[in-house]
Protein backbone atom coordinates (compact mmCIF):
# COMPACT_ATOMS: atom_id res chain seq x y z
CA MET A 1 110.29 -9.48 -67.22
CA LYS A 2 108.05 -7.12 -65.29
CA THR A 3 104.30 -6.93 -65.78
CA ILE A 4 102.43 -3.63 -65.99
CA ALA A 5 98.64 -3.59 -65.67
CA PHE A 6 96.44 -0.74 -66.91
CA TYR A 7 92.96 -0.08 -65.56
CA ALA A 8 90.44 2.75 -65.91
CA LEU A 9 86.69 3.00 -65.49
CA ALA A 10 86.24 5.64 -68.19
CA ALA A 11 86.65 4.54 -71.81
CA LYS A 12 88.38 7.83 -72.61
CA HIS A 13 90.97 7.22 -69.90
CA CYS A 14 91.46 3.67 -71.18
CA ARG A 15 92.33 5.15 -74.56
CA ASP A 16 94.72 7.59 -72.88
CA LEU A 17 96.39 4.70 -71.06
CA LEU A 18 96.62 2.80 -74.33
CA ALA A 19 98.39 5.76 -75.95
CA LEU A 20 100.81 5.84 -73.03
CA ALA A 21 101.41 2.08 -73.22
CA LYS A 22 102.19 2.30 -76.94
CA MET A 23 104.76 5.01 -76.26
CA MET A 24 106.34 3.11 -73.37
CA ALA A 25 106.42 -0.33 -75.04
CA PRO A 26 109.65 0.17 -77.04
CA LEU A 27 111.38 1.59 -73.96
CA VAL A 28 110.71 -1.05 -71.31
CA ASP A 29 111.11 -4.81 -71.13
CA ALA A 30 107.69 -5.55 -69.71
CA ARG A 31 104.47 -7.39 -70.41
CA MET A 32 101.56 -4.96 -70.64
CA VAL A 33 98.06 -6.12 -69.72
CA PHE A 34 94.84 -4.12 -69.94
CA TYR A 35 92.13 -4.94 -67.42
CA LEU A 36 88.85 -3.65 -68.87
CA PRO A 37 85.60 -3.18 -66.92
CA GLY A 38 83.51 -4.65 -69.74
CA GLY A 39 80.36 -3.35 -71.38
CA ALA A 40 79.58 -1.84 -74.77
CA ALA A 41 81.52 1.37 -74.06
CA PHE A 42 84.77 -0.61 -73.95
CA ALA A 43 84.22 -2.79 -77.02
CA ASP A 44 86.25 -0.56 -79.33
CA VAL A 45 88.90 -0.12 -76.63
CA GLU A 46 89.32 -3.89 -76.40
CA VAL A 47 89.75 -4.10 -80.17
CA ALA A 48 92.35 -1.32 -80.10
CA VAL A 49 94.25 -2.96 -77.24
CA LYS A 50 94.47 -6.27 -79.09
CA GLU A 51 95.45 -4.54 -82.34
CA ALA A 52 98.30 -2.88 -80.44
CA GLY A 53 99.54 -6.32 -79.42
CA PHE A 54 98.81 -6.04 -75.69
CA ASP A 55 97.11 -8.66 -73.55
CA CYS A 56 93.56 -7.88 -72.49
CA VAL A 57 91.40 -9.20 -69.66
CA ASN A 58 87.76 -8.18 -69.88
CA ARG A 59 85.67 -8.70 -66.78
CA LYS A 60 81.92 -8.52 -66.88
CA SER A 61 80.36 -5.34 -65.53
CA VAL A 62 79.07 -5.30 -61.98
CA THR A 63 76.25 -2.94 -61.06
CA LEU A 64 77.49 -1.02 -58.07
CA ARG A 65 74.62 1.29 -57.33
CA PRO A 66 70.93 0.51 -57.03
CA GLY A 67 69.03 2.46 -59.66
CA THR A 68 67.75 5.87 -58.63
CA LYS A 69 65.91 8.52 -60.57
CA ARG A 70 66.80 12.15 -60.18
CA HIS A 71 63.97 14.33 -59.05
CA PRO A 72 63.05 17.66 -60.74
CA LEU A 73 63.87 19.40 -57.46
CA ILE A 74 67.52 18.57 -58.04
CA ARG A 75 67.65 20.60 -61.25
CA LYS A 76 65.66 23.45 -59.70
CA SER A 77 68.03 23.55 -56.76
CA LEU A 78 71.18 23.49 -58.88
CA ASP A 79 71.58 27.24 -59.25
CA ALA A 80 71.07 27.75 -55.52
CA VAL A 81 73.75 25.17 -54.73
CA MET A 82 76.14 26.77 -57.20
CA THR A 83 75.50 30.20 -55.72
CA ALA A 84 76.09 28.79 -52.25
CA TYR A 85 79.47 27.47 -53.27
CA VAL A 86 80.65 30.47 -55.27
CA THR A 87 79.41 33.28 -53.03
CA GLY A 88 79.62 31.54 -49.68
CA ARG A 89 76.00 32.32 -48.82
CA ARG A 90 74.28 29.86 -46.54
CA TYR A 91 71.75 28.46 -48.98
CA VAL A 92 72.94 24.91 -48.50
CA GLN A 93 70.63 24.01 -45.64
CA GLN A 94 67.59 25.18 -47.62
CA VAL A 95 68.67 23.11 -50.61
CA GLN A 96 69.26 20.09 -48.40
CA LEU A 97 65.74 20.41 -47.02
CA LYS A 98 64.39 20.39 -50.57
CA PHE A 99 66.34 17.25 -51.29
CA GLU A 100 65.10 15.76 -48.03
CA ALA A 101 61.58 16.08 -49.39
CA LEU A 102 62.46 13.41 -51.93
CA LYS A 103 62.38 10.85 -49.10
CA THR A 104 64.81 8.65 -51.01
CA ASP A 105 65.49 6.56 -47.92
CA ALA A 106 62.69 7.34 -45.52
CA SER A 107 63.06 4.16 -43.49
CA GLY A 108 66.03 2.50 -41.87
CA SER A 109 65.17 -0.90 -43.34
CA LYS A 110 65.21 0.44 -46.91
CA PHE A 111 68.55 2.12 -46.32
CA GLU A 112 70.08 -1.01 -44.80
CA SER A 113 68.82 -2.97 -47.79
CA LYS A 114 70.76 -0.63 -50.07
CA VAL A 115 73.87 -1.07 -47.94
CA ASP A 116 73.50 -4.84 -48.30
CA GLN A 117 73.17 -4.53 -52.08
CA HIS A 118 76.38 -2.52 -52.23
CA MET A 119 78.22 -5.01 -50.06
CA LYS A 120 77.17 -7.89 -52.31
CA ALA A 121 78.38 -5.96 -55.36
CA HIS A 122 81.65 -5.20 -53.56
CA ALA A 123 82.16 -8.88 -52.74
CA SER A 124 81.63 -9.80 -56.39
CA LEU A 125 84.12 -7.16 -57.50
CA VAL A 126 86.75 -8.27 -55.00
CA THR A 127 86.47 -11.84 -56.29
CA ARG A 128 87.05 -10.70 -59.87
CA HIS A 129 89.88 -8.36 -58.93
CA ARG A 130 91.63 -11.11 -56.98
CA LYS A 131 91.30 -13.49 -59.90
CA PHE A 132 92.87 -10.94 -62.25
CA LEU A 133 95.73 -10.11 -59.89
CA ASP A 134 96.46 -13.75 -59.07
CA GLU A 135 96.56 -14.70 -62.76
CA VAL A 136 98.47 -11.70 -64.13
CA LYS A 137 100.68 -10.95 -61.09
CA PRO A 138 101.45 -7.34 -62.05
CA ASP A 139 104.40 -5.45 -60.60
CA TYR A 140 102.80 -2.08 -61.39
CA ILE A 141 99.29 -0.88 -62.08
CA PHE A 142 98.64 2.36 -63.95
CA THR A 143 95.18 3.75 -63.26
CA GLU A 144 93.23 6.99 -63.51
CA SER A 145 92.83 7.84 -59.83
CA ASP A 146 92.86 6.51 -56.29
CA ARG A 147 89.51 8.05 -55.39
CA SER A 148 87.00 7.82 -58.23
CA SER A 149 84.87 4.77 -57.38
CA ALA A 150 84.27 1.84 -55.07
CA ASP A 151 85.39 -0.44 -57.90
CA LEU A 152 88.78 1.24 -58.02
CA LEU A 153 89.18 1.39 -54.24
CA LEU A 154 88.57 -2.34 -53.94
CA LEU A 155 91.06 -3.09 -56.72
CA LEU A 156 93.74 -0.86 -55.22
CA GLN A 157 93.22 -2.43 -51.80
CA GLU A 158 93.94 -5.84 -53.31
CA CYS A 159 96.99 -4.39 -55.10
CA LYS A 160 98.32 -3.06 -51.81
CA LYS A 161 97.98 -6.49 -50.20
CA ARG A 162 100.11 -7.97 -53.00
CA GLY A 163 102.74 -5.24 -53.07
CA VAL A 164 101.73 -3.99 -56.52
CA LYS A 165 103.01 -0.45 -57.04
CA ILE A 166 100.18 1.96 -57.88
CA VAL A 167 101.00 4.68 -60.42
CA LEU A 168 98.66 7.54 -61.34
CA PRO A 169 99.76 8.87 -64.74
CA HIS A 170 98.83 12.43 -65.59
CA LEU A 171 95.67 11.94 -67.65
CA VAL A 172 93.61 14.94 -66.60
CA TRP A 173 93.64 17.66 -63.98
CA SER A 174 91.78 16.33 -60.98
CA SER A 175 89.15 18.37 -59.18
CA ALA A 176 89.62 19.41 -55.58
CA HIS A 177 87.05 19.51 -52.79
CA GLY A 178 84.97 22.41 -54.08
CA GLU A 179 84.01 21.08 -57.50
CA LEU A 180 83.50 17.55 -56.19
CA TRP A 181 81.34 18.85 -53.37
CA PHE A 182 79.16 20.70 -55.87
CA ASN A 183 78.81 17.67 -58.16
CA ARG A 184 77.81 15.42 -55.29
CA VAL A 185 75.35 17.87 -53.79
CA ARG A 186 73.42 18.06 -57.04
CA TYR A 187 72.73 14.32 -56.97
CA GLY A 188 71.44 14.41 -53.39
CA ARG A 189 72.48 10.86 -52.51
CA CYS A 190 75.70 12.11 -50.88
CA LEU A 191 74.04 14.51 -48.42
CA LEU A 192 74.21 13.13 -44.89
CA SER A 193 71.33 15.41 -43.93
CA ASN A 194 69.07 13.60 -46.41
CA PHE A 195 69.23 10.59 -44.17
CA GLN A 196 69.73 12.14 -40.76
CA LEU A 197 66.64 14.33 -41.13
CA THR A 198 64.36 11.45 -42.12
CA ARG A 199 62.63 8.90 -39.92
CA PHE A 200 65.70 7.23 -38.43
CA SER A 201 65.80 6.59 -34.73
CA SER A 202 68.74 7.90 -32.70
CA ALA A 203 70.09 4.38 -32.41
CA GLN A 204 69.88 3.86 -36.18
CA LYS A 205 71.65 7.15 -36.85
CA LYS A 206 74.46 6.29 -34.47
CA LYS A 207 74.82 2.81 -35.93
CA MET A 208 74.77 3.82 -39.58
CA PHE A 209 76.35 7.27 -39.63
CA GLY A 210 78.56 7.47 -36.57
CA GLU A 211 81.59 5.96 -38.27
CA ILE A 212 81.33 7.85 -41.56
CA GLU A 213 80.65 11.39 -40.37
CA ASN A 214 84.39 12.05 -40.22
CA HIS A 215 84.61 11.03 -43.90
CA ALA A 216 82.22 13.81 -44.94
CA TYR A 217 83.24 17.21 -46.26
CA ARG A 218 80.82 20.03 -45.42
CA GLY A 219 78.11 17.46 -44.71
CA VAL A 220 78.62 15.61 -47.99
CA THR A 221 80.15 12.17 -48.53
CA PHE A 222 82.37 11.44 -51.53
CA PHE A 223 80.36 8.32 -52.38
CA PRO A 224 76.58 8.00 -51.94
CA VAL A 225 75.83 7.60 -48.25
CA ALA A 226 74.66 3.98 -48.50
CA GLU A 227 77.77 3.06 -50.46
CA THR A 228 79.99 4.90 -47.99
CA VAL A 229 78.55 2.83 -45.14
CA ALA A 230 79.14 -0.34 -47.19
CA LEU A 231 82.72 0.64 -48.05
CA ASN A 232 83.42 1.38 -44.41
CA LYS A 233 82.67 -2.29 -43.80
CA SER A 234 84.33 -3.67 -46.96
CA VAL A 235 87.61 -1.72 -47.04
CA ALA A 236 90.14 -1.95 -44.23
CA ASN A 237 91.01 1.47 -42.76
CA PHE A 238 88.60 3.08 -45.22
CA THR A 239 89.19 6.78 -45.74
CA PRO A 240 87.72 8.28 -48.91
CA SER A 241 90.27 10.30 -50.85
CA TRP A 242 88.67 13.60 -51.84
CA VAL A 243 91.85 14.63 -53.66
CA SER A 244 93.36 12.25 -56.19
CA GLY A 245 96.78 11.17 -54.98
CA THR A 246 96.08 11.37 -51.26
CA GLY A 247 94.83 7.79 -51.17
CA MET A 248 96.59 4.51 -51.92
CA ALA A 249 98.72 5.70 -54.86
CA ASP A 250 102.49 5.19 -54.61
CA VAL A 251 103.46 7.49 -57.50
CA VAL A 252 101.50 10.54 -58.66
CA CYS A 253 102.68 11.84 -62.03
CA VAL A 254 102.24 15.52 -62.86
CA ASP A 255 102.72 17.61 -65.96
CA SER A 256 104.47 20.61 -64.42
CA GLU A 257 105.75 22.47 -61.39
CA PHE A 258 102.45 24.38 -61.39
CA THR A 259 100.47 21.15 -60.94
CA ARG A 260 102.91 19.85 -58.34
CA LYS A 261 102.43 22.93 -56.16
CA ARG A 262 98.67 22.82 -56.63
CA ILE A 263 98.22 19.22 -55.52
CA VAL A 264 100.70 19.57 -52.65
CA SER A 265 98.54 22.43 -51.37
CA GLN A 266 95.59 20.01 -51.51
CA GLY A 267 97.33 17.41 -49.37
CA VAL A 268 99.21 15.12 -51.77
CA PRO A 269 102.56 14.13 -50.16
CA GLU A 270 105.54 15.52 -52.07
CA SER A 271 107.28 12.16 -51.74
CA LYS A 272 104.71 10.62 -54.11
CA ILE A 273 105.03 13.20 -56.87
CA CYS A 274 107.01 12.66 -60.06
CA GLU A 275 107.23 15.39 -62.71
CA VAL A 276 107.08 13.61 -66.07
CA GLY A 277 105.11 15.92 -68.34
CA ASP A 278 101.91 15.25 -70.25
CA VAL A 279 101.72 12.55 -72.93
CA SER A 280 99.87 15.13 -75.00
CA TYR A 281 102.96 17.34 -74.84
CA ASP A 282 104.84 14.85 -77.01
CA TYR A 283 102.21 15.22 -79.74
CA LEU A 284 102.22 19.00 -79.34
CA TYR A 285 106.00 19.01 -79.56
CA ALA A 286 106.00 16.89 -82.73
CA CYS A 287 103.47 19.26 -84.31
CA GLN A 288 105.50 22.32 -83.36
CA VAL A 289 108.72 20.84 -84.77
CA ASP A 290 106.95 20.23 -88.10
CA ARG A 291 104.81 23.37 -87.91
CA GLU A 292 105.30 24.82 -91.40
CA ALA A 293 104.45 21.62 -93.27
CA ARG A 294 101.48 20.84 -91.04
CA LEU A 295 100.12 24.38 -91.31
CA LYS A 296 100.22 24.18 -95.09
CA SER A 297 98.40 20.85 -94.96
CA LEU A 298 95.78 22.20 -92.52
CA ARG A 299 94.98 25.16 -94.76
CA SER A 300 94.63 22.83 -97.72
CA VAL A 301 92.42 20.24 -95.98
CA TYR A 302 90.00 22.80 -94.50
CA GLN A 303 90.30 25.32 -97.35
CA LEU A 304 91.49 28.10 -95.07
CA ALA A 305 92.35 31.39 -96.73
CA GLU A 306 96.03 32.31 -96.86
CA GLY A 307 96.90 35.24 -94.63
CA ARG A 308 93.93 34.81 -92.31
CA LYS A 309 94.71 33.98 -88.72
CA ILE A 310 93.42 30.71 -87.29
CA VAL A 311 91.38 30.48 -84.10
CA ILE A 312 90.72 27.08 -82.57
CA CYS A 313 87.85 26.85 -80.12
CA SER A 314 87.35 23.86 -77.85
CA LEU A 315 83.60 23.95 -77.41
CA PRO A 316 82.42 23.22 -73.88
CA GLN A 317 80.02 20.29 -73.77
CA TYR A 318 77.34 20.69 -71.13
CA ILE A 319 74.48 18.56 -72.41
CA LYS A 320 75.98 15.28 -71.22
CA LEU A 321 77.04 16.95 -67.98
CA ASN A 322 73.43 17.99 -67.27
CA PHE A 323 74.08 21.70 -66.97
CA ASP A 324 71.79 22.83 -69.78
CA SER A 325 69.05 21.60 -72.01
CA LYS A 326 70.00 21.09 -75.64
CA LYS A 327 68.14 24.26 -76.60
CA GLN A 328 69.97 26.35 -74.00
CA TYR A 329 73.27 24.79 -74.97
CA CYS A 330 72.80 25.63 -78.65
CA GLN A 331 71.82 29.19 -77.75
CA GLU A 332 74.98 29.61 -75.67
CA MET A 333 77.20 28.15 -78.39
CA ASP A 334 75.52 30.39 -80.98
CA ALA A 335 76.35 33.44 -78.88
CA LEU A 336 79.89 32.16 -78.32
CA LEU A 337 80.64 31.58 -82.01
CA GLU A 338 79.10 34.96 -82.86
CA ARG A 339 82.07 36.52 -81.06
CA ILE A 340 84.76 34.05 -82.20
CA ALA A 341 83.99 33.24 -85.85
CA LEU A 342 84.83 36.75 -87.01
CA PRO A 343 84.77 37.67 -90.73
CA ASP A 344 88.54 38.07 -90.96
CA VAL A 345 89.61 34.88 -89.14
CA GLU A 346 89.31 31.17 -89.80
CA CYS A 347 87.49 29.36 -86.99
CA LEU A 348 88.09 25.67 -86.32
CA VAL A 349 86.12 23.87 -83.63
CA SER A 350 87.31 20.98 -81.51
CA LEU A 351 84.39 19.06 -80.04
CA HIS A 352 84.43 17.61 -76.54
CA PRO A 353 84.95 13.79 -76.54
CA MET A 354 81.39 13.39 -75.24
CA ALA A 355 79.88 15.71 -77.86
CA ARG A 356 78.04 14.78 -81.03
CA GLU A 357 78.43 16.99 -84.08
CA ASN A 358 74.81 16.57 -85.15
CA GLU A 359 73.64 18.15 -81.88
CA ILE A 360 75.13 21.49 -82.86
CA LYS A 361 75.71 21.25 -86.62
CA HIS A 362 73.16 23.94 -87.48
CA VAL A 363 74.96 26.41 -85.20
CA LEU A 364 78.36 25.60 -86.70
CA ASP A 365 77.02 25.98 -90.24
CA LYS A 366 75.47 29.34 -89.38
CA HIS A 367 78.87 30.77 -88.43
CA GLY A 368 80.99 28.92 -90.98
CA ALA A 369 82.94 27.13 -88.27
CA LYS A 370 84.62 23.89 -89.32
CA VAL A 371 84.92 20.84 -87.07
CA LEU A 372 88.41 19.45 -86.62
CA LYS A 373 88.74 15.79 -87.53
CA GLU A 374 92.24 15.60 -86.06
CA ARG A 375 92.97 15.26 -82.37
CA LEU A 376 93.38 18.66 -80.75
CA PHE A 377 97.02 18.14 -79.72
CA ASP A 378 97.93 17.32 -83.33
CA VAL A 379 96.91 20.79 -84.57
CA LEU A 380 96.82 23.16 -81.60
CA PRO A 381 100.34 24.61 -82.16
CA LEU A 382 99.16 25.74 -85.61
CA ALA A 383 96.61 28.17 -84.15
CA ASP A 384 97.11 31.89 -83.63
CA ALA A 385 94.75 31.84 -80.63
CA PHE A 386 92.91 29.19 -78.61
CA VAL A 387 89.57 29.53 -76.80
CA ALA A 388 88.22 27.12 -74.18
CA SER A 389 86.30 27.10 -70.91
CA ALA A 390 87.78 25.76 -67.67
CA SER A 391 89.76 23.15 -69.60
CA SER A 392 93.21 21.65 -69.01
CA THR A 393 93.77 22.11 -72.75
CA LEU A 394 94.39 25.80 -72.03
CA THR A 395 97.80 24.82 -70.68
CA TRP A 396 98.47 22.83 -73.87
CA ALA A 397 98.10 26.09 -75.79
CA LEU A 398 100.38 28.00 -73.43
CA ALA A 399 103.02 25.27 -73.58
CA ALA A 400 102.91 25.48 -77.38
CA GLY A 401 103.22 29.27 -77.33
CA VAL A 402 99.63 29.93 -78.41
CA PRO A 403 97.72 32.78 -76.68
CA ALA A 404 94.81 31.30 -74.71
CA ILE A 405 91.41 32.64 -73.68
CA ASN A 406 89.45 31.13 -70.81
CA ILE A 407 85.69 31.67 -71.03
CA ASP A 408 84.93 32.20 -67.37
CA TYR A 409 81.27 33.13 -67.41
CA TYR A 410 79.61 29.72 -67.64
CA ARG A 411 78.31 28.27 -64.40
CA VAL A 412 80.68 25.32 -64.42
CA ALA A 413 83.66 27.65 -64.72
CA ALA A 414 82.88 29.14 -61.32
CA VAL A 415 84.21 26.09 -59.50
CA THR A 416 87.69 26.77 -60.93
CA LYS A 417 87.65 30.36 -59.70
CA GLY A 418 91.20 31.68 -59.41
CA PHE A 419 92.69 28.59 -61.01
CA TRP A 420 94.26 30.42 -63.97
CA ASP A 421 95.28 33.64 -62.27
CA ASP A 422 99.04 32.94 -62.34
CA PHE A 423 99.27 32.76 -66.14
CA THR A 424 100.10 35.97 -68.00
CA CYS A 425 99.37 34.84 -71.58
CA LEU A 426 95.90 33.56 -70.73
CA SER A 427 93.02 36.03 -70.84
CA GLN A 428 90.13 35.61 -68.43
CA VAL A 429 86.83 36.58 -70.04
CA LYS A 430 84.25 37.26 -67.35
CA ALA A 431 81.38 38.39 -69.58
CA PRO A 432 80.28 37.62 -73.18
CA GLU A 433 80.75 41.20 -74.35
CA GLN A 434 84.46 41.02 -73.43
CA LEU A 435 85.21 38.02 -75.63
CA GLU A 436 85.69 39.65 -79.03
CA GLN A 437 88.08 42.28 -77.66
CA ALA A 438 90.06 39.62 -75.79
CA LEU A 439 90.36 37.61 -79.00
CA ARG A 440 91.50 40.66 -80.99
CA THR A 441 94.13 41.42 -78.36
CA ALA A 442 95.38 37.82 -78.38
CA LEU A 443 95.66 37.81 -82.18
CA ASP A 444 97.38 41.18 -82.45
CA SER A 445 99.76 41.10 -79.46
CA ASP A 446 103.31 39.78 -79.38
CA LEU A 447 103.22 37.97 -76.03
CA ASP A 448 106.17 36.93 -73.88
CA PHE A 449 105.56 33.36 -72.66
CA THR A 450 108.64 33.17 -70.40
CA HIS A 451 106.69 33.32 -67.11
CA ASP A 452 104.04 30.81 -68.18
CA TRP A 453 106.63 28.42 -69.58
CA HIS A 454 108.41 28.48 -66.22
CA LEU A 455 105.16 27.52 -64.45
CA LEU A 456 104.59 24.70 -66.94
CA SER A 457 108.20 23.43 -66.66
CA ARG A 458 108.40 23.76 -70.43
CA ASP A 459 112.19 23.77 -70.72
CA ALA A 460 112.45 20.51 -68.79
CA LEU A 461 109.33 18.63 -69.94
CA PHE A 462 108.25 19.93 -73.36
CA ASP A 463 110.80 17.90 -75.30
CA GLY A 464 109.06 14.86 -76.78
CA ASN A 465 110.47 12.55 -74.09
CA THR A 466 107.51 12.11 -71.74
CA ALA A 467 107.34 8.37 -72.44
CA SER A 468 111.00 7.99 -71.46
CA ARG A 469 110.30 9.56 -68.08
CA TYR A 470 107.38 7.17 -67.53
CA ALA A 471 109.65 4.27 -68.50
CA GLU A 472 112.10 5.29 -65.78
CA ILE A 473 109.38 4.79 -63.16
CA VAL A 474 109.03 1.08 -63.96
CA LYS A 475 112.69 0.24 -64.64
């Protein structure tokens, strides 16, 4: 009997892996073991794993990064950084100089102390990872990425040494260089110039930064600079993987031909790629097959008027992502719902997994929008139109034959510029005043999804058999 391990650093991705494991379990003769990072965020995941009948190993959390506080300059510089990325203007150096004023590591000794702290944390992690791998002896490990953290890199390195096959299931669309670069710039700790412009001697610079400069992208390291230096010492042949799939993964699963072409263009070897579909597609497919009965139930549960068209809006959640204050966020969502929750439609809202309903309840009540209690993929095919912002769920709608609208005027949407241009049944809304008309057009038009379905490999992969294709990987 083979053994399959599952590991993710985000609780949401652990739940996604659990859903995949449940679907695969009847199809493969294998022991399935979840390796959880530990901590309060994973307590409910551990309970769910055990209830599903899978083995669970919970390691204690290890603090990887010394605590740092973000400086107000970072928020003030955010718009300038975003403008630099989107427009190509050369504001970056000015922003870097502002960050440099923080003097986060003004002396070589302080910096080297941080490197030592990271190396000690890495050593502790390696010990725990080795213990898990030696006890469980997995043949495969399913994980969220081969780039996301030092924790994951160290685990995958140990897997490689033992011949464990590394599989990246399709959990979410991964960001490419541009968006990652932006996210790392705003925290400051990944800017090489922060450290090279401070009071380091030439010898210190050469010693500490000489080997990692080739790992940087546009003067920014994927991991914080101190951690990058530590990883360069801890990981053999260390090369940070800016694009998920270009690192130590053996198999990279994708949801469509569209995604395959996109990640190949970003450097992922074609030999690694396996088109399996999206686990969410199986839920969407089941909903579409039973559409009439489920639509009747949905109207009854939420008291939706017969004859009115249904609009589902996946509200963007920017508070937890530090893009807006709560007040600004509520103002933006108020303006958004003003144009979506029209008098002659029924508006249902799907909240982001990180969102809290009480943060925005007064805005929802004002517009009569109702919050979905079901998972989005269990109801999305019932909608007459779907609205979201820079979200992979837009392709769920297209795969289910639901007209989609991408809100493309929020700042975060700029980093996915051009991403949706190939889809014909997806409207790009570039300004708030265009939204209502785009929604009316989507509701009233009889769209031909043939082109979009070809991009999404719908005929081959939208069939309720995604789990079977994953099972083939481990047989």
